[in-house]
Amino acid sequence: MRIVSWNLWHTTGAKLDDVCRLIAQTTPDLLVMQEAEAALDALPGVLGGCYARLPLPGRHHGLAAWSPRAFETRAGGLTLPRGLIVQRCSQIIDLAGITFANVHLSHGQVLNRRQLRRIGEAIPPRAIILGDCNMVGAALLPGFDDVGARIATHMMGGVVPLRLDRCFLRGVECRDARVLEFGASDHRPMLIDLAVPSDTKS
């Protein structure tokens, strides 16, 4: 099973055509996106599949997910401890017997770890948390393996390389983790290949 995560960089960055191109190049079973705007709602009309978008409260962008097959349950949301400016939430997707939490966490390094732990405590044992964690250094997330490629995924101000995009697994095995080229965004897409147990395959 292949999953891809990409922060699109709202307004300035990746558009619908860029997302379609990424899907054609990587053929994911699940693509999760951060900073996705309403224009992305046209994606299932172009490529088919199952799609859901969850705007962040009070923002014009948010979290989105697309898969060539149907989600097992309706995509949901989980409210997270809020920052000073932005109320954060996580998008919850169930696919192939795995719960996926799509995230765009706060910049505060104590707060985003609290948000990560909140998600880990709320989702089932077989789960994956991935997206833009805005996190520098160790995640300190008990029970999960940090499997993302250990290279920079974001260039802050076009100058400072940071590994902000992460993937945390629990009860699932990672076969390969890669970071792709930047493309139209200031974040690089993150690609994870999973070894999914036979009892989860549909």
N, C-alpha and C. Protein backbone atom coordinates (compact mmCIF):
# COMPACT_ATOMS: atom_id res chain seq x y z
N MET A 1 0.85 -1.19 0.00
CA MET A 1 0.00 0.00 0.00
C MET A 1 0.88 1.23 0.00
N ARG A 2 0.54 2.21 -0.83
CA ARG A 2 1.35 3.43 -0.95
C ARG A 2 0.55 4.64 -0.50
N ILE A 3 1.15 5.46 0.36
CA ILE A 3 0.53 6.70 0.80
C ILE A 3 1.47 7.86 0.51
N VAL A 4 0.89 9.00 0.18
CA VAL A 4 1.66 10.20 -0.12
C VAL A 4 1.04 11.36 0.66
N SER A 5 1.89 12.21 1.20
CA SER A 5 1.45 13.41 1.91
C SER A 5 2.12 14.63 1.30
N TRP A 6 1.34 15.73 1.12
CA TRP A 6 1.90 16.94 0.51
C TRP A 6 1.21 18.17 1.07
N ASN A 7 2.01 19.09 1.61
CA ASN A 7 1.52 20.42 1.95
C ASN A 7 1.55 21.25 0.67
N LEU A 8 0.37 21.67 0.21
CA LEU A 8 0.26 22.30 -1.10
C LEU A 8 0.71 23.76 -1.12
N TRP A 9 0.83 24.38 0.06
CA TRP A 9 1.21 25.80 0.15
C TRP A 9 0.09 26.65 -0.46
N HIS A 10 -0.95 26.84 0.33
CA HIS A 10 -2.18 27.48 -0.16
C HIS A 10 -1.92 28.79 -0.88
N THR A 11 -2.79 29.12 -1.80
CA THR A 11 -2.80 30.34 -2.59
C THR A 11 -1.61 30.42 -3.55
N THR A 12 -0.40 30.25 -3.02
CA THR A 12 0.81 30.44 -3.82
C THR A 12 1.27 29.17 -4.50
N GLY A 13 0.97 28.02 -3.92
CA GLY A 13 1.63 26.79 -4.31
C GLY A 13 0.90 25.91 -5.29
N ALA A 14 0.84 24.60 -4.99
CA ALA A 14 0.33 23.59 -5.91
C ALA A 14 -1.17 23.74 -6.14
N LYS A 15 -1.56 23.56 -7.39
CA LYS A 15 -2.97 23.64 -7.79
C LYS A 15 -3.47 22.25 -8.19
N LEU A 16 -4.71 22.21 -8.68
CA LEU A 16 -5.34 20.95 -9.06
C LEU A 16 -4.49 20.17 -10.07
N ASP A 17 -3.97 20.85 -11.08
CA ASP A 17 -3.16 20.16 -12.10
C ASP A 17 -1.91 19.54 -11.49
N ASP A 18 -1.30 20.24 -10.54
CA ASP A 18 -0.10 19.71 -9.88
C ASP A 18 -0.42 18.46 -9.07
N VAL A 19 -1.57 18.48 -8.41
CA VAL A 19 -1.99 17.31 -7.62
C VAL A 19 -2.28 16.13 -8.55
N CYS A 20 -2.96 16.37 -9.66
CA CYS A 20 -3.24 15.30 -10.63
C CYS A 20 -1.94 14.73 -11.17
N ARG A 21 -0.96 15.59 -11.42
CA ARG A 21 0.33 15.12 -11.93
C ARG A 21 1.04 14.25 -10.89
N LEU A 22 0.98 14.65 -9.63
CA LEU A 22 1.61 13.86 -8.57
C LEU A 22 0.95 12.48 -8.46
N ILE A 23 -0.38 12.45 -8.54
CA ILE A 23 -1.09 11.18 -8.48
C ILE A 23 -0.69 10.28 -9.65
N ALA A 24 -0.58 10.84 -10.84
CA ALA A 24 -0.18 10.05 -12.01
C ALA A 24 1.24 9.50 -11.86
N GLN A 25 2.11 10.27 -11.24
CA GLN A 25 3.50 9.86 -11.09
C GLN A 25 3.70 8.82 -9.99
N THR A 26 2.91 8.89 -8.94
CA THR A 26 3.15 8.05 -7.76
C THR A 26 2.12 6.95 -7.57
N THR A 27 0.96 7.04 -8.20
CA THR A 27 -0.16 6.08 -8.07
C THR A 27 -0.41 5.67 -6.62
N PRO A 28 -0.75 6.62 -5.77
CA PRO A 28 -0.96 6.28 -4.35
C PRO A 28 -2.30 5.59 -4.11
N ASP A 29 -2.35 4.79 -3.05
CA ASP A 29 -3.62 4.27 -2.55
C ASP A 29 -4.32 5.32 -1.70
N LEU A 30 -3.54 6.25 -1.17
CA LEU A 30 -4.10 7.36 -0.40
C LEU A 30 -3.17 8.55 -0.51
N LEU A 31 -3.74 9.70 -0.88
CA LEU A 31 -3.01 10.97 -0.88
C LEU A 31 -3.66 11.88 0.14
N VAL A 32 -2.86 12.36 1.11
CA VAL A 32 -3.37 13.36 2.06
C VAL A 32 -2.66 14.68 1.79
N MET A 33 -3.41 15.77 1.95
CA MET A 33 -2.90 17.10 1.62
C MET A 33 -3.19 18.06 2.76
N GLN A 34 -2.28 19.01 2.91
CA GLN A 34 -2.46 20.09 3.86
C GLN A 34 -2.50 21.41 3.07
N GLU A 35 -3.12 22.43 3.66
CA GLU A 35 -3.32 23.74 3.03
C GLU A 35 -4.04 23.58 1.70
N ALA A 36 -5.04 22.72 1.67
CA ALA A 36 -5.86 22.50 0.48
C ALA A 36 -7.03 23.48 0.47
N GLU A 37 -7.24 24.12 -0.67
CA GLU A 37 -8.31 25.09 -0.82
C GLU A 37 -9.50 24.46 -1.56
N ALA A 38 -10.59 25.22 -1.66
CA ALA A 38 -11.83 24.69 -2.24
C ALA A 38 -11.68 24.26 -3.69
N ALA A 39 -10.74 24.84 -4.42
CA ALA A 39 -10.52 24.46 -5.82
C ALA A 39 -10.17 22.98 -5.95
N LEU A 40 -9.62 22.38 -4.88
CA LEU A 40 -9.26 20.96 -4.91
C LEU A 40 -10.50 20.06 -4.90
N ASP A 41 -11.67 20.63 -4.58
CA ASP A 41 -12.89 19.84 -4.54
C ASP A 41 -13.25 19.28 -5.92
N ALA A 42 -12.63 19.80 -6.98
CA ALA A 42 -12.87 19.30 -8.33
C ALA A 42 -12.11 18.00 -8.61
N LEU A 43 -11.24 17.58 -7.70
CA LEU A 43 -10.38 16.42 -7.94
C LEU A 43 -11.15 15.14 -8.30
N PRO A 44 -12.19 14.74 -7.54
CA PRO A 44 -12.89 13.51 -7.92
C PRO A 44 -13.60 13.61 -9.26
N GLY A 45 -13.98 14.82 -9.67
CA GLY A 45 -14.60 14.99 -10.98
C GLY A 45 -13.61 14.76 -12.10
N VAL A 46 -12.33 14.97 -11.84
CA VAL A 46 -11.28 14.80 -12.84
C VAL A 46 -10.77 13.36 -12.84
N LEU A 47 -10.51 12.80 -11.64
CA LEU A 47 -9.87 11.49 -11.55
C LEU A 47 -10.77 10.40 -10.98
N GLY A 48 -11.99 10.77 -10.54
CA GLY A 48 -12.82 9.79 -9.85
C GLY A 48 -12.30 9.57 -8.44
N GLY A 49 -12.60 8.42 -7.87
CA GLY A 49 -12.11 8.10 -6.54
C GLY A 49 -12.94 8.73 -5.44
N CYS A 50 -12.43 8.64 -4.24
CA CYS A 50 -13.10 9.14 -3.04
C CYS A 50 -12.30 10.31 -2.48
N TYR A 51 -12.98 11.38 -2.11
CA TYR A 51 -12.31 12.63 -1.71
C TYR A 51 -13.06 13.26 -0.55
N ALA A 52 -12.31 13.88 0.35
CA ALA A 52 -12.91 14.64 1.44
C ALA A 52 -11.99 15.78 1.82
N ARG A 53 -12.57 16.93 2.16
CA ARG A 53 -11.77 18.08 2.59
C ARG A 53 -12.34 18.60 3.90
N LEU A 54 -11.45 18.98 4.81
CA LEU A 54 -11.82 19.48 6.13
C LEU A 54 -11.13 20.83 6.35
N PRO A 55 -11.84 21.96 6.13
CA PRO A 55 -11.21 23.26 6.35
C PRO A 55 -10.85 23.46 7.82
N LEU A 56 -9.74 24.12 8.08
CA LEU A 56 -9.43 24.51 9.45
C LEU A 56 -10.40 25.61 9.87
N PRO A 57 -10.87 25.58 11.11
CA PRO A 57 -11.84 26.59 11.56
C PRO A 57 -11.34 28.01 11.32
N GLY A 58 -12.16 28.81 10.62
CA GLY A 58 -11.83 30.20 10.39
C GLY A 58 -10.78 30.44 9.31
N ARG A 59 -10.39 29.39 8.57
CA ARG A 59 -9.37 29.53 7.53
C ARG A 59 -9.98 29.15 6.18
N HIS A 60 -9.35 29.63 5.10
CA HIS A 60 -9.85 29.29 3.76
C HIS A 60 -9.20 28.03 3.21
N HIS A 61 -8.35 27.40 3.99
CA HIS A 61 -7.71 26.17 3.55
C HIS A 61 -7.76 25.15 4.69
N GLY A 62 -7.37 23.93 4.38
CA GLY A 62 -7.41 22.90 5.43
C GLY A 62 -6.82 21.60 4.95
N LEU A 63 -7.38 20.50 5.43
CA LEU A 63 -6.86 19.17 5.18
C LEU A 63 -7.75 18.47 4.15
N ALA A 64 -7.13 17.68 3.28
CA ALA A 64 -7.89 16.95 2.26
C ALA A 64 -7.27 15.58 2.04
N ALA A 65 -8.09 14.65 1.56
CA ALA A 65 -7.62 13.29 1.30
C ALA A 65 -8.30 12.77 0.05
N TRP A 66 -7.55 11.99 -0.75
CA TRP A 66 -8.09 11.36 -1.96
C TRP A 66 -7.58 9.93 -2.05
N SER A 67 -8.45 9.04 -2.51
CA SER A 67 -8.07 7.65 -2.75
C SER A 67 -8.80 7.15 -3.98
N PRO A 68 -8.17 6.25 -4.76
CA PRO A 68 -8.88 5.68 -5.90
C PRO A 68 -10.01 4.74 -5.48
N ARG A 69 -10.04 4.34 -4.21
CA ARG A 69 -11.12 3.48 -3.72
C ARG A 69 -11.85 4.16 -2.56
N ALA A 70 -13.00 3.64 -2.24
CA ALA A 70 -13.85 4.28 -1.23
C ALA A 70 -13.25 4.15 0.16
N PHE A 71 -13.40 5.21 0.95
CA PHE A 71 -13.06 5.13 2.36
C PHE A 71 -14.03 4.16 3.04
N GLU A 72 -13.55 3.51 4.09
CA GLU A 72 -14.38 2.51 4.77
C GLU A 72 -15.49 3.17 5.60
N THR A 73 -15.23 4.34 6.10
CA THR A 73 -16.23 5.13 6.81
C THR A 73 -16.13 6.56 6.32
N ARG A 74 -17.12 7.35 6.62
CA ARG A 74 -17.08 8.75 6.22
C ARG A 74 -15.92 9.46 6.92
N ALA A 75 -15.15 10.24 6.16
CA ALA A 75 -14.02 10.96 6.73
C ALA A 75 -14.51 11.87 7.86
N GLY A 76 -13.75 11.89 8.95
CA GLY A 76 -14.15 12.68 10.10
C GLY A 76 -13.08 13.66 10.52
N GLY A 77 -13.29 14.29 11.65
CA GLY A 77 -12.34 15.26 12.17
C GLY A 77 -12.16 15.10 13.67
N LEU A 78 -10.99 15.47 14.15
CA LEU A 78 -10.67 15.43 15.57
C LEU A 78 -10.13 16.79 15.98
N THR A 79 -10.81 17.45 16.92
CA THR A 79 -10.36 18.76 17.39
C THR A 79 -9.13 18.59 18.27
N LEU A 80 -8.14 19.48 18.09
CA LEU A 80 -6.88 19.40 18.81
C LEU A 80 -6.72 20.59 19.75
N PRO A 81 -5.83 20.47 20.75
CA PRO A 81 -5.53 21.65 21.58
C PRO A 81 -5.15 22.84 20.71
N ARG A 82 -5.76 23.98 20.96
CA ARG A 82 -5.62 25.10 20.04
C ARG A 82 -4.40 25.94 20.35
N GLY A 83 -3.89 26.60 19.29
CA GLY A 83 -2.83 27.56 19.43
C GLY A 83 -3.39 28.95 19.71
N LEU A 84 -2.54 29.95 19.74
CA LEU A 84 -2.96 31.32 20.02
C LEU A 84 -3.78 31.91 18.87
N ILE A 85 -3.49 31.47 17.64
CA ILE A 85 -4.13 32.06 16.47
C ILE A 85 -5.06 31.08 15.77
N VAL A 86 -4.56 29.89 15.46
CA VAL A 86 -5.30 28.95 14.63
C VAL A 86 -5.81 27.77 15.45
N GLN A 87 -7.10 27.45 15.29
CA GLN A 87 -7.66 26.23 15.86
C GLN A 87 -7.30 25.06 14.95
N ARG A 88 -6.60 24.09 15.48
CA ARG A 88 -6.14 22.96 14.67
C ARG A 88 -7.08 21.76 14.83
N CYS A 89 -7.12 20.94 13.79
CA CYS A 89 -7.86 19.69 13.84
C CYS A 89 -7.11 18.67 13.00
N SER A 90 -7.49 17.42 13.12
CA SER A 90 -6.92 16.35 12.33
C SER A 90 -8.03 15.70 11.52
N GLN A 91 -7.75 15.38 10.27
CA GLN A 91 -8.70 14.67 9.43
C GLN A 91 -8.48 13.17 9.60
N ILE A 92 -9.54 12.43 9.85
CA ILE A 92 -9.46 11.00 10.13
C ILE A 92 -10.05 10.21 8.96
N ILE A 93 -9.24 9.30 8.40
CA ILE A 93 -9.63 8.48 7.26
C ILE A 93 -9.44 7.01 7.62
N ASP A 94 -10.42 6.18 7.31
CA ASP A 94 -10.30 4.73 7.49
C ASP A 94 -10.22 4.07 6.12
N LEU A 95 -9.13 3.32 5.90
CA LEU A 95 -8.90 2.68 4.61
C LEU A 95 -8.06 1.43 4.83
N ALA A 96 -8.47 0.32 4.21
CA ALA A 96 -7.72 -0.94 4.29
C ALA A 96 -7.46 -1.39 5.72
N GLY A 97 -8.41 -1.16 6.60
CA GLY A 97 -8.26 -1.60 7.98
C GLY A 97 -7.30 -0.77 8.80
N ILE A 98 -6.89 0.39 8.29
CA ILE A 98 -5.96 1.30 8.98
C ILE A 98 -6.63 2.65 9.15
N THR A 99 -6.43 3.27 10.30
CA THR A 99 -6.90 4.63 10.52
C THR A 99 -5.76 5.59 10.23
N PHE A 100 -6.01 6.56 9.35
CA PHE A 100 -5.03 7.57 8.98
C PHE A 100 -5.45 8.91 9.58
N ALA A 101 -4.52 9.59 10.23
CA ALA A 101 -4.77 10.93 10.75
C ALA A 101 -3.92 11.91 9.94
N ASN A 102 -4.58 12.71 9.13
CA ASN A 102 -3.94 13.74 8.32
C ASN A 102 -3.80 14.99 9.17
N VAL A 103 -2.58 15.56 9.29
CA VAL A 103 -2.36 16.65 10.24
C VAL A 103 -1.62 17.83 9.63
N HIS A 104 -1.92 18.99 10.18
CA HIS A 104 -1.13 20.21 10.00
C HIS A 104 -1.09 20.88 11.37
N LEU A 105 -0.04 20.57 12.12
CA LEU A 105 0.01 20.93 13.53
C LEU A 105 0.54 22.35 13.74
N SER A 106 0.41 22.81 14.97
CA SER A 106 0.86 24.16 15.33
C SER A 106 2.38 24.27 15.29
N HIS A 107 2.87 25.51 15.25
CA HIS A 107 4.31 25.75 15.20
C HIS A 107 4.98 25.62 16.57
N GLY A 108 4.25 25.84 17.65
CA GLY A 108 4.84 25.74 18.98
C GLY A 108 5.33 24.33 19.26
N GLN A 109 6.58 24.19 19.68
CA GLN A 109 7.19 22.87 19.78
C GLN A 109 6.70 22.05 20.98
N VAL A 110 6.12 22.69 21.96
CA VAL A 110 5.46 21.96 23.05
C VAL A 110 4.02 21.64 22.65
N LEU A 111 3.35 22.62 22.07
CA LEU A 111 1.95 22.44 21.68
C LEU A 111 1.79 21.37 20.60
N ASN A 112 2.65 21.37 19.59
CA ASN A 112 2.44 20.38 18.53
C ASN A 112 2.68 18.95 19.02
N ARG A 113 3.51 18.79 20.04
CA ARG A 113 3.69 17.46 20.62
C ARG A 113 2.47 17.06 21.46
N ARG A 114 1.84 18.02 22.12
CA ARG A 114 0.58 17.75 22.82
C ARG A 114 -0.50 17.35 21.83
N GLN A 115 -0.56 18.03 20.70
CA GLN A 115 -1.55 17.71 19.67
C GLN A 115 -1.31 16.30 19.12
N LEU A 116 -0.05 15.96 18.90
CA LEU A 116 0.30 14.64 18.38
C LEU A 116 -0.11 13.54 19.36
N ARG A 117 0.15 13.75 20.65
CA ARG A 117 -0.25 12.76 21.66
C ARG A 117 -1.77 12.63 21.75
N ARG A 118 -2.47 13.73 21.60
CA ARG A 118 -3.94 13.70 21.62
C ARG A 118 -4.46 12.80 20.50
N ILE A 119 -3.87 12.91 19.32
CA ILE A 119 -4.29 12.08 18.19
C ILE A 119 -3.97 10.61 18.48
N GLY A 120 -2.74 10.36 18.94
CA GLY A 120 -2.33 8.99 19.22
C GLY A 120 -3.21 8.29 20.23
N GLU A 121 -3.72 9.03 21.21
CA GLU A 121 -4.59 8.47 22.24
C GLU A 121 -6.01 8.24 21.73
N ALA A 122 -6.40 8.97 20.68
CA ALA A 122 -7.80 8.93 20.23
C ALA A 122 -8.06 7.93 19.11
N ILE A 123 -7.02 7.49 18.40
CA ILE A 123 -7.23 6.63 17.24
C ILE A 123 -6.94 5.16 17.58
N PRO A 124 -7.42 4.22 16.75
CA PRO A 124 -7.26 2.79 17.04
C PRO A 124 -5.80 2.34 17.04
N PRO A 125 -5.53 1.11 17.49
CA PRO A 125 -4.15 0.62 17.59
C PRO A 125 -3.42 0.57 16.26
N ARG A 126 -4.10 0.17 15.18
CA ARG A 126 -3.44 0.13 13.86
C ARG A 126 -3.68 1.46 13.17
N ALA A 127 -2.67 2.30 13.18
CA ALA A 127 -2.90 3.69 12.78
C ALA A 127 -1.64 4.34 12.23
N ILE A 128 -1.86 5.40 11.45
CA ILE A 128 -0.78 6.20 10.88
C ILE A 128 -1.14 7.67 11.04
N ILE A 129 -0.21 8.44 11.56
CA ILE A 129 -0.35 9.90 11.64
C ILE A 129 0.67 10.49 10.68
N LEU A 130 0.22 11.34 9.76
CA LEU A 130 1.17 11.91 8.80
C LEU A 130 0.72 13.28 8.33
N GLY A 131 1.70 14.05 7.88
CA GLY A 131 1.43 15.38 7.37
C GLY A 131 2.48 16.36 7.83
N ASP A 132 2.11 17.64 7.79
CA ASP A 132 3.00 18.72 8.19
C ASP A 132 2.88 18.90 9.70
N CYS A 133 3.89 18.41 10.42
CA CYS A 133 3.86 18.48 11.88
C CYS A 133 4.50 19.75 12.43
N ASN A 134 5.15 20.54 11.57
CA ASN A 134 5.83 21.76 12.02
C ASN A 134 6.75 21.47 13.21
N MET A 135 7.36 20.31 13.20
CA MET A 135 8.09 19.82 14.37
C MET A 135 9.58 19.68 14.04
N VAL A 136 10.40 20.16 14.96
CA VAL A 136 11.86 20.04 14.83
C VAL A 136 12.35 19.13 15.95
N GLY A 137 13.11 18.09 15.61
CA GLY A 137 13.63 17.19 16.62
C GLY A 137 12.71 16.01 16.88
N ALA A 138 13.01 15.27 17.93
CA ALA A 138 12.27 14.04 18.25
C ALA A 138 10.81 14.36 18.61
N ALA A 139 9.91 13.48 18.17
CA ALA A 139 8.48 13.71 18.38
C ALA A 139 8.02 13.34 19.79
N LEU A 140 8.69 12.39 20.42
CA LEU A 140 8.33 11.94 21.76
C LEU A 140 6.90 11.42 21.79
N LEU A 141 6.59 10.52 20.82
CA LEU A 141 5.25 9.96 20.68
C LEU A 141 5.30 8.47 21.02
N PRO A 142 4.93 8.07 22.22
CA PRO A 142 5.04 6.66 22.64
C PRO A 142 4.22 5.73 21.76
N GLY A 143 4.80 4.58 21.43
CA GLY A 143 4.08 3.54 20.70
C GLY A 143 4.11 3.67 19.19
N PHE A 144 4.63 4.77 18.68
CA PHE A 144 4.69 5.00 17.24
C PHE A 144 6.14 5.02 16.75
N ASP A 145 6.35 4.55 15.51
CA ASP A 145 7.65 4.65 14.86
C ASP A 145 7.64 5.82 13.88
N ASP A 146 8.65 6.66 13.98
CA ASP A 146 8.83 7.79 13.06
C ASP A 146 9.58 7.24 11.84
N VAL A 147 8.87 7.08 10.71
CA VAL A 147 9.47 6.37 9.57
C VAL A 147 9.78 7.26 8.37
N GLY A 148 9.45 8.53 8.44
CA GLY A 148 9.71 9.40 7.30
C GLY A 148 11.19 9.48 6.98
N ALA A 149 11.52 9.74 5.72
CA ALA A 149 12.91 9.89 5.31
C ALA A 149 13.57 11.00 6.10
N ARG A 150 14.82 10.79 6.51
CA ARG A 150 15.52 11.73 7.39
C ARG A 150 16.23 12.83 6.60
N ILE A 151 15.47 13.50 5.76
CA ILE A 151 16.00 14.63 5.00
C ILE A 151 15.00 15.77 5.05
N ALA A 152 15.43 16.95 4.69
CA ALA A 152 14.57 18.13 4.77
C ALA A 152 13.39 18.00 3.82
N THR A 153 12.23 18.46 4.29
CA THR A 153 11.02 18.46 3.47
C THR A 153 10.52 19.87 3.18
N HIS A 154 11.13 20.86 3.82
CA HIS A 154 10.68 22.25 3.68
C HIS A 154 11.89 23.16 3.72
N MET A 155 11.84 24.21 2.91
CA MET A 155 12.91 25.20 2.90
C MET A 155 12.34 26.51 3.43
N MET A 156 12.57 26.79 4.71
CA MET A 156 12.01 27.97 5.37
C MET A 156 12.65 29.23 4.79
N GLY A 157 11.80 30.10 4.26
CA GLY A 157 12.30 31.33 3.65
C GLY A 157 13.18 31.08 2.44
N GLY A 158 13.08 29.88 1.88
CA GLY A 158 13.91 29.54 0.75
C GLY A 158 15.36 29.32 1.10
N VAL A 159 15.68 29.28 2.41
CA VAL A 159 17.08 29.24 2.84
C VAL A 159 17.35 28.10 3.82
N VAL A 160 16.52 27.96 4.86
CA VAL A 160 16.80 27.03 5.95
C VAL A 160 16.07 25.71 5.72
N PRO A 161 16.80 24.58 5.54
CA PRO A 161 16.14 23.29 5.34
C PRO A 161 15.66 22.69 6.65
N LEU A 162 14.40 22.24 6.67
CA LEU A 162 13.81 21.66 7.88
C LEU A 162 13.03 20.40 7.52
N ARG A 163 13.05 19.43 8.41
CA ARG A 163 12.25 18.21 8.24
C ARG A 163 10.96 18.38 9.05
N LEU A 164 9.96 18.99 8.42
CA LEU A 164 8.70 19.29 9.11
C LEU A 164 7.63 18.24 8.84
N ASP A 165 7.71 17.57 7.70
CA ASP A 165 6.69 16.61 7.31
C ASP A 165 7.09 15.23 7.82
N ARG A 166 6.18 14.58 8.56
CA ARG A 166 6.51 13.34 9.27
C ARG A 166 5.45 12.27 8.99
N CYS A 167 5.84 11.02 9.27
CA CYS A 167 4.92 9.90 9.22
C CYS A 167 5.20 8.99 10.40
N PHE A 168 4.17 8.74 11.23
CA PHE A 168 4.29 7.91 12.42
C PHE A 168 3.38 6.69 12.27
N LEU A 169 3.94 5.50 12.46
CA LEU A 169 3.20 4.25 12.30
C LEU A 169 3.03 3.52 13.62
N ARG A 170 1.88 2.86 13.76
CA ARG A 170 1.65 1.97 14.90
C ARG A 170 0.86 0.76 14.38
N GLY A 171 1.44 -0.43 14.52
CA GLY A 171 0.77 -1.64 14.07
C GLY A 171 0.85 -1.88 12.58
N VAL A 172 1.68 -1.11 11.88
CA VAL A 172 1.86 -1.23 10.44
C VAL A 172 3.35 -1.16 10.14
N GLU A 173 3.81 -1.90 9.14
CA GLU A 173 5.24 -1.93 8.81
C GLU A 173 5.53 -1.05 7.60
N CYS A 174 6.60 -0.28 7.68
CA CYS A 174 7.06 0.55 6.57
C CYS A 174 8.06 -0.23 5.72
N ARG A 175 7.84 -0.27 4.41
CA ARG A 175 8.79 -0.90 3.49
C ARG A 175 9.78 0.12 2.92
N ASP A 176 9.30 1.33 2.68
CA ASP A 176 10.16 2.34 2.06
C ASP A 176 9.60 3.72 2.38
N ALA A 177 10.50 4.69 2.57
CA ALA A 177 10.09 6.08 2.82
C ALA A 177 10.98 6.98 1.99
N ARG A 178 10.34 7.84 1.21
CA ARG A 178 11.09 8.73 0.33
C ARG A 178 10.49 10.13 0.36
N VAL A 179 11.31 11.11 0.01
CA VAL A 179 10.84 12.48 -0.17
C VAL A 179 11.08 12.84 -1.63
N LEU A 180 10.07 13.38 -2.28
CA LEU A 180 10.13 13.68 -3.70
C LEU A 180 10.59 15.12 -3.93
N GLU A 181 10.67 15.53 -5.17
CA GLU A 181 11.09 16.90 -5.47
C GLU A 181 10.01 17.90 -5.06
N PHE A 182 10.41 19.17 -4.93
CA PHE A 182 9.51 20.19 -4.41
C PHE A 182 8.28 20.40 -5.29
N GLY A 183 8.46 20.51 -6.58
CA GLY A 183 7.33 20.84 -7.45
C GLY A 183 6.86 22.26 -7.21
N ALA A 184 5.54 22.44 -7.15
CA ALA A 184 4.97 23.79 -7.07
C ALA A 184 4.86 24.33 -5.65
N SER A 185 5.19 23.53 -4.66
CA SER A 185 5.03 23.93 -3.26
C SER A 185 6.39 24.19 -2.60
N ASP A 186 6.34 24.82 -1.42
CA ASP A 186 7.57 24.99 -0.64
C ASP A 186 7.82 23.78 0.26
N HIS A 187 6.95 22.77 0.18
CA HIS A 187 7.14 21.49 0.87
C HIS A 187 7.32 20.40 -0.18
N ARG A 188 8.14 19.41 0.14
CA ARG A 188 8.33 18.27 -0.74
C ARG A 188 7.32 17.18 -0.37
N PRO A 189 6.72 16.52 -1.35
CA PRO A 189 5.82 15.40 -1.04
C PRO A 189 6.59 14.27 -0.35
N MET A 190 5.92 13.60 0.55
CA MET A 190 6.49 12.47 1.29
C MET A 190 5.77 11.20 0.86
N LEU A 191 6.51 10.19 0.45
CA LEU A 191 5.94 8.93 -0.04
C LEU A 191 6.34 7.79 0.88
N ILE A 192 5.34 7.01 1.31
CA ILE A 192 5.57 5.88 2.21
C ILE A 192 4.94 4.63 1.59
N ASP A 193 5.73 3.57 1.45
CA ASP A 193 5.21 2.27 1.03
C ASP A 193 5.08 1.39 2.26
N LEU A 194 3.89 0.79 2.41
CA LEU A 194 3.58 0.00 3.59
C LEU A 194 3.49 -1.49 3.26
N ALA A 195 3.84 -2.31 4.22
CA ALA A 195 3.54 -3.74 4.15
C ALA A 195 2.27 -3.95 4.96
N VAL A 196 1.15 -4.11 4.28
CA VAL A 196 -0.14 -4.21 4.95
C VAL A 196 -0.45 -5.68 5.23
N PRO A 197 -0.73 -6.04 6.48
CA PRO A 197 -1.08 -7.43 6.80
C PRO A 197 -2.26 -7.92 5.97
N SER A 198 -2.28 -9.22 5.68
CA SER A 198 -3.30 -9.79 4.79
C SER A 198 -4.72 -9.60 5.32
N ASP A 199 -4.88 -9.49 6.63
CA ASP A 199 -6.24 -9.35 7.17
C ASP A 199 -6.80 -7.96 6.97
N THR A 200 -6.01 -7.01 6.42
CA THR A 200 -6.51 -5.65 6.18
C THR A 200 -6.78 -5.41 4.72
N LYS A 201 -6.38 -6.28 3.82
CA LYS A 201 -6.50 -6.02 2.39
C LYS A 201 -7.93 -6.24 1.94
N SER A 202 -8.36 -5.37 1.02
CA SER A 202 -9.73 -5.49 0.47
C SER A 202 -9.66 -5.75 -1.02
